[in-house]
C-alpha atoms as a PDB file:
ATOM      1  CA  ASN A   1    -218.370 -38.315  19.783  1.00  0.00           C
ATOM      2  CA  PRO A   2    -214.884 -36.588  20.302  1.00  0.00           C
ATOM      3  CA  TYR A   3    -213.980 -33.658  18.488  1.00  0.00           C
ATOM      4  CA  LEU A   4    -211.618 -31.450  18.620  1.00  0.00           C
ATOM      5  CA  ALA A   5    -211.986 -27.941  20.053  1.00  0.00           C
ATOM      6  CA  THR A   6    -209.811 -24.228  18.027  1.00  0.00           C
ATOM      7  CA  SER A   7    -206.358 -25.008  19.604  1.00  0.00           C
ATOM      8  CA  SER A   8    -205.200 -21.419  17.847  1.00  0.00           C
ATOM      9  CA  LEU A   9    -207.233 -19.630  20.489  1.00  0.00           C
ATOM     10  CA  ASN A  10    -205.845 -21.518  23.797  1.00  0.00           C
ATOM     11  CA  GLN A  11    -209.023 -23.567  24.459  1.00  0.00           C
ATOM     12  CA  PRO A  12    -209.148 -27.164  25.723  1.00  0.00           C
ATOM     13  CA  LYS A  13    -208.039 -29.366  22.930  1.00  0.00           C
ATOM     14  CA  ILE A  14    -210.183 -32.263  22.887  1.00  0.00           C
ATOM     15  CA  ILE A  15    -213.877 -32.013  23.978  1.00  0.00           C
ATOM     16  CA  ILE A  16    -215.936 -35.081  24.277  1.00  0.00           C
ATOM     17  CA  TYR A  17    -219.714 -35.368  24.047  1.00  0.00           C
ATOM     18  CA  ASP A  18    -220.809 -38.851  24.770  1.00  0.00           C
ATOM     19  CA  ILE A  19    -223.530 -37.970  27.847  1.00  0.00           C
ATOM     20  CA  TYR A  20    -224.603 -41.461  27.433  1.00  0.00           C
ATOM     21  CA  GLU A  21    -221.294 -42.989  29.298  1.00  0.00           C
ATOM     22  CA  ARG A  22    -221.299 -41.229  32.060  1.00  0.00           C
ATOM     23  CA  LYS A  23    -224.199 -40.987  34.674  1.00  0.00           C
ATOM     24  CA  LYS A  24    -222.987 -37.184  36.189  1.00  0.00           C
ATOM     25  CA  GLU A  25    -223.969 -35.953  32.324  1.00  0.00           C
ATOM     26  CA  MET A  26    -227.411 -37.846  32.111  1.00  0.00           C
ATOM     27  CA  ARG A  27    -228.526 -33.607  33.380  1.00  0.00           C
ATOM     28  CA  ASP A  28    -227.732 -32.827  29.826  1.00  0.00           C
ATOM     29  CA  TYR A  29    -230.504 -34.652  28.255  1.00  0.00           C
ATOM     30  CA  LEU A  30    -233.037 -32.079  27.284  1.00  0.00           C
ATOM     31  CA  ASP A  31    -237.114 -33.370  29.032  1.00  0.00           C
ATOM     32  CA  PHE A  32    -238.533 -34.340  25.874  1.00  0.00           C
ATOM     33  CA  VAL A  33    -235.738 -36.942  24.749  1.00  0.00           C
ATOM     34  CA  PHE A  34    -235.445 -37.928  28.596  1.00  0.00           C
ATOM     35  CA  PRO A  35    -237.291 -41.088  27.393  1.00  0.00           C
ATOM     36  CA  LEU A  36    -233.697 -42.284  25.130  1.00  0.00           C
ATOM     37  CA  LYS A  37    -232.118 -42.165  28.382  1.00  0.00           C
ATOM     38  CA  GLU A  38    -233.072 -45.651  30.044  1.00  0.00           C
ATOM     39  CA  ILE A  39    -232.716 -47.435  26.598  1.00  0.00           C
ATOM     40  CA  GLN A  40    -229.048 -46.263  26.098  1.00  0.00           C
ATOM     41  CA  LEU A  41    -227.959 -47.300  29.816  1.00  0.00           C
ATOM     42  CA  ALA A  42    -229.529 -50.629  28.741  1.00  0.00           C
ATOM     43  CA  ILE A  43    -227.482 -50.999  25.776  1.00  0.00           C
ATOM     44  CA  ASN A  44    -224.305 -49.310  27.884  1.00  0.00           C
ATOM     45  CA  GLU A  45    -225.677 -51.965  30.678  1.00  0.00           C
ATOM     46  CA  THR A  46    -225.594 -54.809  28.331  1.00  0.00           C
ATOM     47  CA  SER A  47    -222.650 -53.822  26.157  1.00  0.00           C
ATOM     48  CA  ASN A  48    -220.252 -53.899  29.568  1.00  0.00           C
ATOM     49  CA  LYS A  49    -220.981 -57.318  30.422  1.00  0.00           C
ATOM     50  CA  LYS A  50    -217.898 -60.011  30.190  1.00  0.00           C
ATOM     51  CA  ASP A  51    -220.256 -62.269  27.969  1.00  0.00           C
ATOM     52  CA  ASN A  52    -220.878 -59.068  25.528  1.00  0.00           C
ATOM     53  CA  LEU A  53    -219.732 -60.813  22.657  1.00  0.00           C
ATOM     54  CA  ASP A  54    -222.458 -63.835  23.644  1.00  0.00           C
ATOM     55  CA  LYS A  55    -224.949 -64.203  20.379  1.00  0.00           C
ATOM     56  CA  ASN A  56    -228.100 -63.549  23.153  1.00  0.00           C
ATOM     57  CA  VAL A  57    -226.393 -60.439  24.291  1.00  0.00           C
ATOM     58  CA  LEU A  58    -225.582 -59.553  21.063  1.00  0.00           C
ATOM     59  CA  LYS A  59    -229.334 -59.861  19.764  1.00  0.00           C
ATOM     60  CA  THR A  60    -230.787 -57.906  23.311  1.00  0.00           C
ATOM     61  CA  ILE A  61    -227.957 -54.864  22.202  1.00  0.00           C
ATOM     62  CA  SER A  62    -229.760 -55.165  18.457  1.00  0.00           C
ATOM     63  CA  LYS A  63    -232.936 -55.034  19.856  1.00  0.00           C
ATOM     64  CA  LEU A  64    -232.692 -52.038  21.981  1.00  0.00           C
ATOM     65  CA  GLN A  65    -230.590 -49.835  19.352  1.00  0.00           C
ATOM     66  CA  SER A  66    -233.894 -50.833  17.424  1.00  0.00           C
ATOM     67  CA  GLU A  67    -235.878 -49.612  19.630  1.00  0.00           C
ATOM     68  CA  TYR A  68    -233.395 -46.511  20.505  1.00  0.00           C
ATOM     69  CA  ASN A  69    -233.507 -45.512  17.069  1.00  0.00           C
ATOM     70  CA  LYS A  70    -237.618 -45.730  16.177  1.00  0.00           C
ATOM     71  CA  LEU A  71    -237.876 -43.968  19.601  1.00  0.00           C
ATOM     72  CA  GLU A  72    -235.382 -41.351  18.657  1.00  0.00           C
ATOM     73  CA  LYS A  73    -237.195 -40.855  15.474  1.00  0.00           C
ATOM     74  CA  LYS A  74    -240.777 -40.466  16.504  1.00  0.00           C
ATOM     75  CA  ILE A  75    -239.432 -37.855  18.793  1.00  0.00           C
ATOM     76  CA  PHE A  76    -237.731 -35.695  16.759  1.00  0.00           C
ATOM     77  CA  LYS A  77    -240.230 -36.103  13.933  1.00  0.00           C
ATOM     78  CA  LEU A  78    -242.918 -34.350  16.007  1.00  0.00           C
ATOM     79  CA  LEU A  79    -240.606 -31.242  17.999  1.00  0.00           C
ATOM     80  CA  THR A  80    -242.355 -28.472  19.344  1.00  0.00           C
ATOM     81  CA  PRO A  81    -240.810 -24.543  18.621  1.00  0.00           C
ATOM     82  CA  ILE A  82    -240.514 -24.508  22.508  1.00  0.00           C
ATOM     83  CA  GLN A  83    -238.036 -28.151  22.120  1.00  0.00           C
ATOM     84  CA  ILE A  84    -236.089 -26.710  19.281  1.00  0.00           C
ATOM     85  CA  LEU A  85    -234.930 -23.288  20.845  1.00  0.00           C
ATOM     86  CA  GLN A  86    -233.632 -26.100  23.960  1.00  0.00           C
ATOM     87  CA  LEU A  87    -231.873 -27.865  21.237  1.00  0.00           C
ATOM     88  CA  ALA A  88    -230.527 -24.263  20.086  1.00  0.00           C
ATOM     89  CA  ARG A  89    -229.495 -23.740  23.553  1.00  0.00           C
ATOM     90  CA  HIS A  90    -228.192 -27.013  23.931  1.00  0.00           C
ATOM     91  CA  PRO A  91    -224.964 -27.439  26.843  1.00  0.00           C
ATOM     92  CA  ASN A  92    -222.971 -29.403  24.761  1.00  0.00           C
ATOM     93  CA  ARG A  93    -223.916 -27.825  21.415  1.00  0.00           C
ATOM     94  CA  PRO A  94    -220.848 -27.120  18.848  1.00  0.00           C
ATOM     95  CA  HIS A  95    -219.963 -23.548  19.385  1.00  0.00           C
ATOM     96  CA  SER A  96    -218.636 -20.863  17.100  1.00  0.00           C
ATOM     97  CA  ILE A  97    -214.776 -22.026  18.100  1.00  0.00           C
ATOM     98  CA  THR A  98    -215.461 -25.596  16.993  1.00  0.00           C
ATOM     99  CA  PHE A  99    -216.985 -24.484  13.945  1.00  0.00           C
ATOM    100  CA  ILE A 100    -213.969 -22.404  12.938  1.00  0.00           C
ATOM    101  CA  ASP A 101    -211.650 -25.072  13.649  1.00  0.00           C
ATOM    102  CA  HIS A 102    -213.437 -27.750  11.763  1.00  0.00           C
ATOM    103  CA  ILE A 103    -214.155 -25.327   8.633  1.00  0.00           C
ATOM    104  CA  PHE A 104    -211.544 -22.981   8.698  1.00  0.00           C
ATOM    105  CA  THR A 105    -207.990 -23.229   8.402  1.00  0.00           C
ATOM    106  CA  ASP A 106    -204.380 -21.368   9.222  1.00  0.00           C
ATOM    107  CA  PHE A 107    -206.751 -18.592  11.214  1.00  0.00           C
ATOM    108  CA  GLN A 108    -205.321 -15.812  12.781  1.00  0.00           C
ATOM    109  CA  SER A 109    -207.874 -14.367  15.610  1.00  0.00           C
ATOM    110  CA  VAL A 110    -207.720  -9.955  15.057  1.00  0.00           C
ATOM    111  CA  HIS A 111    -207.995  -8.178  18.645  1.00  0.00           C
ATOM    112  CA  GLY A 112    -209.450  -5.250  20.113  1.00  0.00           C
ATOM    113  CA  ASN A 113    -211.625  -2.616  18.573  1.00  0.00           C
ATOM    114  CA  ARG A 114    -208.320   0.358  18.699  1.00  0.00           C
ATOM    115  CA  THR A 115    -209.511   2.032  21.313  1.00  0.00           C
ATOM    116  CA  GLY A 116    -208.221  -0.094  24.420  1.00  0.00           C
ATOM    117  CA  ALA A 117    -210.909  -2.769  24.646  1.00  0.00           C
ATOM    118  CA  ASP A 118    -211.484  -6.379  23.356  1.00  0.00           C
ATOM    119  CA  CYS A 119    -214.682  -7.712  23.811  1.00  0.00           C
ATOM    120  CA  PRO A 120    -213.994 -11.612  24.934  1.00  0.00           C
ATOM    121  CA  THR A 121    -217.519 -13.111  23.557  1.00  0.00           C
ATOM    122  CA  THR A 122    -216.276 -11.548  19.665  1.00  0.00           C
ATOM    123  CA  ILE A 123    -214.287 -13.730  18.023  1.00  0.00           C
ATOM    124  CA  THR A 124    -212.594 -12.407  14.331  1.00  0.00           C
ATOM    125  CA  GLY A 125    -209.748 -13.070  12.732  1.00  0.00           C
ATOM    126  CA  ILE A 126    -208.946 -14.025   9.055  1.00  0.00           C
ATOM    127  CA  GLY A 127    -208.624 -17.798   7.451  1.00  0.00           C
ATOM    128  CA  TYR A 128    -208.678 -20.098   5.040  1.00  0.00           C
ATOM    129  CA  LEU A 129    -211.896 -21.772   3.956  1.00  0.00           C
ATOM    130  CA  ASP A 130    -209.648 -24.510   1.274  1.00  0.00           C
ATOM    131  CA  ASP A 131    -208.055 -22.056  -0.980  1.00  0.00           C
ATOM    132  CA  TYR A 132    -210.592 -19.008   0.127  1.00  0.00           C
ATOM    133  CA  PRO A 133    -209.478 -16.703   2.350  1.00  0.00           C
ATOM    134  CA  ILE A 134    -211.874 -15.375   4.633  1.00  0.00           C
ATOM    135  CA  MET A 135    -212.296 -13.021   7.418  1.00  0.00           C
ATOM    136  CA  VAL A 136    -214.659 -14.632  10.351  1.00  0.00           C
ATOM    137  CA  ILE A 137    -217.076 -12.878  12.928  1.00  0.00           C
ATOM    138  CA  ALA A 138    -218.092 -15.126  15.436  1.00  0.00           C
ATOM    139  CA  GLN A 139    -220.033 -15.170  18.810  1.00  0.00           C
ATOM    140  CA  GLU A 140    -218.686 -17.193  21.336  1.00  0.00           C
ATOM    141  CA  LYS A 141    -220.501 -18.100  24.697  1.00  0.00           C
ATOM    142  CA  GLY A 142    -218.241 -20.631  26.375  1.00  0.00           C
ATOM    143  CA  PHE A 143    -218.048 -24.234  27.481  1.00  0.00           C
ATOM    144  CA  GLU A 144    -216.936 -24.114  31.256  1.00  0.00           C
ATOM    145  CA  LEU A 145    -219.057 -21.744  33.936  1.00  0.00           C
ATOM    146  CA  GLU A 146    -215.861 -19.138  34.030  1.00  0.00           C
ATOM    147  CA  ASP A 147    -215.866 -19.139  30.594  1.00  0.00           C
ATOM    148  CA  ARG A 148    -219.758 -18.225  30.279  1.00  0.00           C
ATOM    149  CA  ILE A 149    -219.201 -15.234  32.787  1.00  0.00           C
ATOM    150  CA  ARG A 150    -216.184 -14.058  31.379  1.00  0.00           C
ATOM    151  CA  ASN A 151    -217.910 -13.995  27.405  1.00  0.00           C
ATOM    152  CA  ASN A 152    -221.344 -12.593  29.480  1.00  0.00           C
ATOM    153  CA  PHE A 153    -223.266 -15.965  28.142  1.00  0.00           C
ATOM    154  CA  GLY A 154    -222.548 -15.081  24.202  1.00  0.00           C
ATOM    155  CA  MET A 155    -223.356 -11.366  24.694  1.00  0.00           C
ATOM    156  CA  MET A 156    -221.530  -8.300  23.063  1.00  0.00           C
ATOM    157  CA  SER A 157    -220.366  -5.820  24.007  1.00  0.00           C
ATOM    158  CA  PRO A 158    -220.355  -2.194  22.163  1.00  0.00           C
ATOM    159  CA  SER A 159    -216.285  -2.929  22.247  1.00  0.00           C
ATOM    160  CA  GLY A 160    -217.863  -6.428  20.143  1.00  0.00           C
ATOM    161  CA  TYR A 161    -219.745  -5.263  17.895  1.00  0.00           C
ATOM    162  CA  GLN A 162    -216.709  -2.188  17.325  1.00  0.00           C
ATOM    163  CA  LYS A 163    -214.580  -4.458  16.671  1.00  0.00           C
ATOM    164  CA  ALA A 164    -216.696  -6.968  14.664  1.00  0.00           C
ATOM    165  CA  GLN A 165    -216.681  -2.800  13.076  1.00  0.00           C
ATOM    166  CA  ARG A 166    -212.842  -3.121  12.385  1.00  0.00           C
ATOM    167  CA  ALA A 167    -212.506  -6.559  10.602  1.00  0.00           C
ATOM    168  CA  MET A 168    -214.990  -5.743   8.042  1.00  0.00           C
ATOM    169  CA  LYS A 169    -213.505  -2.653   7.350  1.00  0.00           C
ATOM    170  CA  LEU A 170    -210.323  -4.694   6.903  1.00  0.00           C
ATOM    171  CA  ALA A 171    -212.497  -7.436   4.700  1.00  0.00           C
ATOM    172  CA  GLU A 172    -213.510  -4.743   2.342  1.00  0.00           C
ATOM    173  CA  LYS A 173    -209.958  -3.094   2.636  1.00  0.00           C
ATOM    174  CA  PHE A 174    -208.641  -6.283   0.821  1.00  0.00           C
ATOM    175  CA  GLN A 175    -211.321  -8.190  -0.741  1.00  0.00           C
ATOM    176  CA  ILE A 176    -212.071 -10.617   1.292  1.00  0.00           C
ATOM    177  CA  PRO A 177    -215.360 -12.099   1.665  1.00  0.00           C
ATOM    178  CA  ILE A 178    -217.110 -12.203   4.781  1.00  0.00           C
ATOM    179  CA  ILE A 179    -218.831 -14.912   7.031  1.00  0.00           C
ATOM    180  CA  THR A 180    -220.718 -14.125  11.045  1.00  0.00           C
ATOM    181  CA  LEU A 181    -221.126 -17.492  12.736  1.00  0.00           C
ATOM    182  CA  ILE A 182    -224.104 -16.107  15.216  1.00  0.00           C
ATOM    183  CA  ASP A 183    -224.876 -17.481  18.480  1.00  0.00           C
ATOM    184  CA  THR A 184    -226.453 -15.500  21.322  1.00  0.00           C
ATOM    185  CA  PRO A 185    -229.422 -14.639  23.594  1.00  0.00           C
ATOM    186  CA  GLY A 186    -228.734 -11.130  22.613  1.00  0.00           C
ATOM    187  CA  ALA A 187    -227.063  -7.764  22.772  1.00  0.00           C
ATOM    188  CA  TYR A 188    -225.197  -7.094  26.785  1.00  0.00           C
ATOM    189  CA  PRO A 189    -227.975  -5.455  28.063  1.00  0.00           C
ATOM    190  CA  GLY A 190    -225.533  -4.012  31.499  1.00  0.00           C
ATOM    191  CA  ILE A 191    -224.982  -0.398  32.597  1.00  0.00           C
ATOM    192  CA  LYS A 192    -221.551  -0.392  31.247  1.00  0.00           C
ATOM    193  CA  ALA A 193    -222.739  -1.514  27.684  1.00  0.00           C
ATOM    194  CA  GLU A 194    -225.491   1.095  27.802  1.00  0.00           C
ATOM    195  CA  GLU A 195    -223.115   3.807  29.121  1.00  0.00           C
ATOM    196  CA  ASP A 196    -220.739   2.932  25.872  1.00  0.00           C
ATOM    197  CA  ASN A 197    -224.025   3.440  23.404  1.00  0.00           C
ATOM    198  CA  GLN A 198    -224.843  -0.252  22.765  1.00  0.00           C
ATOM    199  CA  SER A 199    -227.826   0.685  20.538  1.00  0.00           C
ATOM    200  CA  GLY A 200    -225.209   3.077  18.645  1.00  0.00           C
ATOM    201  CA  ALA A 201    -222.957   0.524  17.772  1.00  0.00           C
ATOM    202  CA  ILE A 202    -225.401  -2.112  16.570  1.00  0.00           C
ATOM    203  CA  ALA A 203    -226.463   0.704  14.117  1.00  0.00           C
ATOM    204  CA  GLU A 204    -223.382   1.617  13.123  1.00  0.00           C
ATOM    205  CA  ASN A 205    -222.842  -2.019  12.221  1.00  0.00           C
ATOM    206  CA  LEU A 206    -226.007  -2.235  10.480  1.00  0.00           C
ATOM    207  CA  LYS A 207    -225.057   0.759   7.634  1.00  0.00           C
ATOM    208  CA  LEU A 208    -221.932  -0.452   7.452  1.00  0.00           C
ATOM    209  CA  MET A 209    -223.145  -3.573   6.253  1.00  0.00           C
ATOM    210  CA  ALA A 210    -225.608  -2.180   4.378  1.00  0.00           C
ATOM    211  CA  GLU A 211    -222.721  -0.824   2.286  1.00  0.00           C
ATOM    212  CA  LEU A 212    -219.728  -3.010   2.717  1.00  0.00           C
ATOM    213  CA  LYS A 213    -218.709  -3.805  -1.117  1.00  0.00           C
ATOM    214  CA  THR A 214    -217.313  -7.526   0.016  1.00  0.00           C
ATOM    215  CA  PRO A 215    -219.772 -10.500   0.328  1.00  0.00           C
ATOM    216  CA  ILE A 216    -221.376 -11.569   3.893  1.00  0.00           C
ATOM    217  CA  ILE A 217    -222.704 -14.706   4.543  1.00  0.00           C
ATOM    218  CA  ASN A 218    -224.790 -15.574   7.475  1.00  0.00           C
ATOM    219  CA  CYS A 219    -224.623 -18.368   9.614  1.00  0.00           C
ATOM    220  CA  ILE A 220    -226.842 -18.869  12.494  1.00  0.00           C
ATOM    221  CA  ILE A 221    -225.602 -21.776  14.042  1.00  0.00           C
ATOM    222  CA  GLY A 222    -227.167 -21.688  18.113  1.00  0.00           C
ATOM    223  CA  GLU A 223    -229.058 -18.612  19.198  1.00  0.00           C
ATOM    224  CA  GLY A 224    -229.949 -16.088  17.112  1.00  0.00           C
ATOM    225  CA  CYS A 225    -231.839 -13.418  19.189  1.00  0.00           C
ATOM    226  CA  SER A 226    -232.491  -9.782  19.089  1.00  0.00           C
ATOM    227  CA  GLY A 227    -230.218  -6.878  18.073  1.00  0.00           C
ATOM    228  CA  GLY A 228    -227.566  -9.073  19.913  1.00  0.00           C
ATOM    229  CA  ALA A 229    -227.828 -11.303  16.396  1.00  0.00           C
ATOM    230  CA  LEU A 230    -228.553  -8.598  13.687  1.00  0.00           C
ATOM    231  CA  GLY A 231    -225.488  -6.848  14.755  1.00  0.00           C
ATOM    232  CA  ILE A 232    -223.603  -8.981  12.875  1.00  0.00           C
ATOM    233  CA  GLY A 233    -226.055 -10.325  11.048  1.00  0.00           C
ATOM    234  CA  MET A 234    -227.170  -8.568   7.951  1.00  0.00           C
ATOM    235  CA  GLY A 235    -225.746  -9.212   4.811  1.00  0.00           C
ATOM    236  CA  ASP A 236    -226.077 -11.380   1.068  1.00  0.00           C
ATOM    237  CA  TYR A 237    -227.038 -14.782   2.367  1.00  0.00           C
ATOM    238  CA  THR A 238    -228.202 -16.089   5.564  1.00  0.00           C
ATOM    239  CA  TYR A 239    -227.716 -20.029   6.664  1.00  0.00           C
ATOM    240  CA  MET A 240    -229.533 -21.413   9.605  1.00  0.00           C
ATOM    241  CA  LEU A 241    -229.185 -24.406  11.293  1.00  0.00           C
ATOM    242  CA  GLN A 242    -231.751 -26.834  11.492  1.00  0.00           C
ATOM    243  CA  TYR A 243    -232.683 -26.446  15.163  1.00  0.00           C
ATOM    244  CA  ALA A 244    -231.332 -23.075  15.483  1.00  0.00           C
ATOM    245  CA  SER A 245    -233.438 -20.058  16.272  1.00  0.00           C
ATOM    246  CA  PHE A 246    -233.601 -16.765  15.007  1.00  0.00           C
ATOM    247  CA  SER A 247    -236.103 -14.515  16.950  1.00  0.00           C
ATOM    248  CA  VAL A 248    -236.298 -10.023  17.558  1.00  0.00           C
ATOM    249  CA  ILE A 249    -236.442 -11.310  21.008  1.00  0.00           C
ATOM    250  CA  SER A 250    -236.772 -14.818  23.406  1.00  0.00           C
ATOM    251  CA  PRO A 251    -239.935 -16.424  24.182  1.00  0.00           C
ATOM    252  CA  GLU A 252    -239.520 -15.938  27.918  1.00  0.00           C
ATOM    253  CA  GLY A 253    -239.126 -12.142  27.362  1.00  0.00           C
ATOM    254  CA  CYS A 254    -241.915 -12.401  25.136  1.00  0.00           C
ATOM    255  CA  ALA A 255    -244.550 -14.041  26.749  1.00  0.00           C
ATOM    256  CA  SER A 256    -243.575 -11.722  29.939  1.00  0.00           C
ATOM    257  CA  ILE A 257    -244.629  -8.481  28.324  1.00  0.00           C
ATOM    258  CA  LEU A 258    -247.608  -9.905  26.701  1.00  0.00           C
ATOM    259  CA  TRP A 259    -248.981 -11.789  29.563  1.00  0.00           C
ATOM    260  CA  LYS A 260    -246.862 -10.708  31.795  1.00  0.00           C
ATOM    261  CA  THR A 261    -245.773 -14.621  32.756  1.00  0.00           C
ATOM    262  CA  ALA A 262    -242.729 -16.531  31.496  1.00  0.00           C
ATOM    263  CA  GLU A 263    -244.703 -19.509  31.770  1.00  0.00           C
ATOM    264  CA  LYS A 264    -246.601 -18.990  28.811  1.00  0.00           C
ATOM    265  CA  LYS A 265    -243.283 -19.280  26.863  1.00  0.00           C
ATOM    266  CA  ASP A 266    -244.271 -22.483  24.944  1.00  0.00           C
ATOM    267  CA  LEU A 267    -246.778 -20.269  23.108  1.00  0.00           C
ATOM    268  CA  ALA A 268    -245.209 -17.281  22.605  1.00  0.00           C
ATOM    269  CA  ALA A 269    -242.144 -19.860  20.953  1.00  0.00           C
ATOM    270  CA  LYS A 270    -244.883 -21.029  18.565  1.00  0.00           C
ATOM    271  CA  GLU A 271    -246.343 -17.549  17.548  1.00  0.00           C
ATOM    272  CA  MET A 272    -243.105 -15.603  17.058  1.00  0.00           C
ATOM    273  CA  LYS A 273    -241.807 -18.084  14.141  1.00  0.00           C
ATOM    274  CA  LEU A 274    -237.972 -18.789  15.659  1.00  0.00           C
ATOM    275  CA  CYS A 275    -238.037 -21.841  13.973  1.00  0.00           C
ATOM    276  CA  ALA A 276    -235.851 -22.029  10.746  1.00  0.00           C
ATOM    277  CA  THR A 277    -238.685 -23.726   8.364  1.00  0.00           C
ATOM    278  CA  ASP A 278    -240.939 -21.303   9.679  1.00  0.00           C
ATOM    279  CA  LEU A 279    -238.366 -18.256   8.818  1.00  0.00           C
ATOM    280  CA  ILE A 280    -237.549 -19.689   5.149  1.00  0.00           C
ATOM    281  CA  LYS A 281    -241.233 -19.567   4.630  1.00  0.00           C
ATOM    282  CA  LEU A 282    -241.159 -15.931   5.468  1.00  0.00           C
ATOM    283  CA  ASN A 283    -237.921 -15.268   3.274  1.00  0.00           C
ATOM    284  CA  LEU A 284    -235.806 -14.184   5.940  1.00  0.00           C
ATOM    285  CA  ILE A 285    -233.407 -16.765   5.333  1.00  0.00           C
ATOM    286  CA  ASP A 286    -232.040 -18.887   2.472  1.00  0.00           C
ATOM    287  CA  GLU A 287    -231.021 -22.239   3.160  1.00  0.00           C
ATOM    288  CA  ILE A 288    -231.651 -24.377   6.396  1.00  0.00           C
ATOM    289  CA  ILE A 289    -228.520 -26.414   6.917  1.00  0.00           C
ATOM    290  CA  GLU A 290    -228.861 -29.997   8.606  1.00  0.00           C
ATOM    291  CA  GLU A 291    -227.464 -31.370  11.357  1.00  0.00           C
ATOM    292  CA  GLY A 292    -228.620 -34.443  11.549  1.00  0.00           C
ATOM    293  CA  LEU A 293    -230.989 -36.820  13.923  1.00  0.00           C
ATOM    294  CA  GLY A 294    -230.444 -35.449  17.283  1.00  0.00           C
ATOM    295  CA  GLY A 295    -228.712 -32.460  17.024  1.00  0.00           C
ATOM    296  CA  ALA A 296    -225.613 -31.405  16.211  1.00  0.00           C
ATOM    297  CA  HIS A 297    -224.273 -31.964  19.559  1.00  0.00           C
ATOM    298  CA  GLN A 298    -224.944 -35.362  18.262  1.00  0.00           C
ATOM    299  CA  ASN A 299    -223.793 -34.861  14.915  1.00  0.00           C
ATOM    300  CA  PRO A 300    -220.982 -32.740  15.146  1.00  0.00           C
ATOM    301  CA  ILE A 301    -218.799 -33.881  12.190  1.00  0.00           C
ATOM    302  CA  ASP A 302    -221.749 -34.203   9.739  1.00  0.00           C
ATOM    303  CA  THR A 303    -222.965 -30.435  10.621  1.00  0.00           C
ATOM    304  CA  PHE A 304    -219.428 -29.079  10.370  1.00  0.00           C
ATOM    305  CA  LYS A 305    -219.134 -30.460   6.602  1.00  0.00           C
ATOM    306  CA  ASN A 306    -222.533 -29.651   5.555  1.00  0.00           C
ATOM    307  CA  LEU A 307    -222.241 -26.246   6.532  1.00  0.00           C
ATOM    308  CA  LYS A 308    -218.532 -25.700   5.075  1.00  0.00           C
ATOM    309  CA  LYS A 309    -219.733 -27.910   1.661  1.00  0.00           C
ATOM    310  CA  LYS A 310    -222.672 -25.012   0.975  1.00  0.00           C
ATOM    311  CA  LEU A 311    -220.047 -21.822   2.324  1.00  0.00           C
ATOM    312  CA  LEU A 312    -217.600 -23.141  -0.026  1.00  0.00           C
ATOM    313  CA  LYS A 313    -220.454 -23.143  -3.036  1.00  0.00           C
ATOM    314  CA  THR A 314    -221.577 -18.972  -1.582  1.00  0.00           C
ATOM    315  CA  VAL A 315    -217.978 -17.835  -1.438  1.00  0.00           C
ATOM    316  CA  ALA A 316    -217.223 -19.271  -4.971  1.00  0.00           C
ATOM    317  CA  ALA A 317    -220.406 -17.530  -6.497  1.00  0.00           C
ATOM    318  CA  SER A 318    -220.132 -14.795  -4.916  1.00  0.00           C
ATOM    319  CA  LEU A 319    -216.764 -13.614  -5.971  1.00  0.00           C
ATOM    320  CA  LYS A 320    -217.921 -13.664  -9.266  1.00  0.00           C
ATOM    321  CA  ILE A 321    -220.315 -10.760  -9.026  1.00  0.00           C
ATOM    322  CA  LYS A 322    -219.299  -7.417  -9.649  1.00  0.00           C
ATOM    323  CA  LYS A 323    -219.622  -4.677  -6.575  1.00  0.00           C
ATOM    324  CA  GLU A 324    -222.408  -2.390  -7.914  1.00  0.00           C
ATOM    325  CA  ASN A 325    -224.288  -5.508  -8.222  1.00  0.00           C
ATOM    326  CA  LEU A 326    -223.948  -7.089  -5.000  1.00  0.00           C
ATOM    327  CA  LEU A 327    -225.087  -4.011  -3.151  1.00  0.00           C
ATOM    328  CA  LYS A 328    -227.755  -4.054  -5.902  1.00  0.00           C
ATOM    329  CA  ASN A 329    -228.980  -7.754  -4.840  1.00  0.00           C
ATOM    330  CA  ARG A 330    -228.308  -6.599  -0.964  1.00  0.00           C
ATOM    331  CA  PHE A 331    -230.483  -4.154  -1.233  1.00  0.00           C
ATOM    332  CA  ASP A 332    -232.854  -5.264  -3.487  1.00  0.00           C
ATOM    333  CA  LYS A 333    -233.009  -8.559  -0.792  1.00  0.00           C
ATOM    334  CA  LEU A 334    -233.462  -6.817   2.721  1.00  0.00           C
ATOM    335  CA  MET A 335    -236.513  -4.652   0.916  1.00  0.00           C
ATOM    336  CA  LEU A 336    -238.384  -7.361  -0.516  1.00  0.00           C
ATOM    337  CA  ASN A 337    -237.804  -8.689   2.478  1.00  0.00           C
ATOM    338  CA  HIS A 338    -239.752  -5.589   4.424  1.00  0.00           C
ATOM    339  CA  LEU A 339    -242.279  -5.477   1.780  1.00  0.00           C
ATOM    340  CA  HIS A 340    -243.487  -8.854   2.307  1.00  0.00           C
ATOM    341  CA  GLU A 341    -244.630  -8.563   5.934  1.00  0.00           C
END
């Protein structure tokens, strides 16, 4: 399924995620969906025959497709937490820039933290959600290896949190709702980040978001991990894509601490309750946004539509809430979550 990446951010115009038609991309099959590969290859080979309009050939294709659909439904019905995390980390999963391009219009980036730095991982800017002006704050991992290295693989630096803080204050000044797109393995752990007070930058954001007098809507679209996610993840509403993850640490990190080996990551993922279905039961998120069978990388357009529909409804409702009630509701929401632990 081809879909556009945002041109306003100087990214490639068209990105094609058709992993079935190119054998060199078979590495993008996750281990638990690998059985689908052989069926899809058989479908492709049959479809490429010269007599592909022959009734027998069409019947074969139909039979193979039916087999594929049944197996896919069976696989996705029995996903484990670690498999859902693999989907959240999938290299072909839509990134923040593609969500921005499909959900918002007239997006204009805001750069810099006003002290001479501009974290490339952090995208901030103003756009329109239909007729509503919105401040967008997002984390971008990058598509190609060069982009991923430049973006620290989606890990924000202190300047990124300061950049987000600048955007939040701007949104409050003009009474614009804030929508955050969260997709990170954590805050950047480098020496320079620590020297620049990484934890302090995140703490300042948490303090600001707790008292900001404008609606804040958080969307976990991929991997939401640790303080790196929480640094732009406190607000009035928290939505999570069906196959995203949200946790205080990675399963690999948790397993290394508890059992001294990352090999127990499957057990750690299960105990950590990092999936949307677990988190909504714990009252830590407000709603699960469906991605469709196969995940967002297989059904990107449906995913964009589902999230946009929810955001429109939420923005319209949140703008009717008085400022004093907005802060009270936010405080009650956070404190009730804390008391329920």
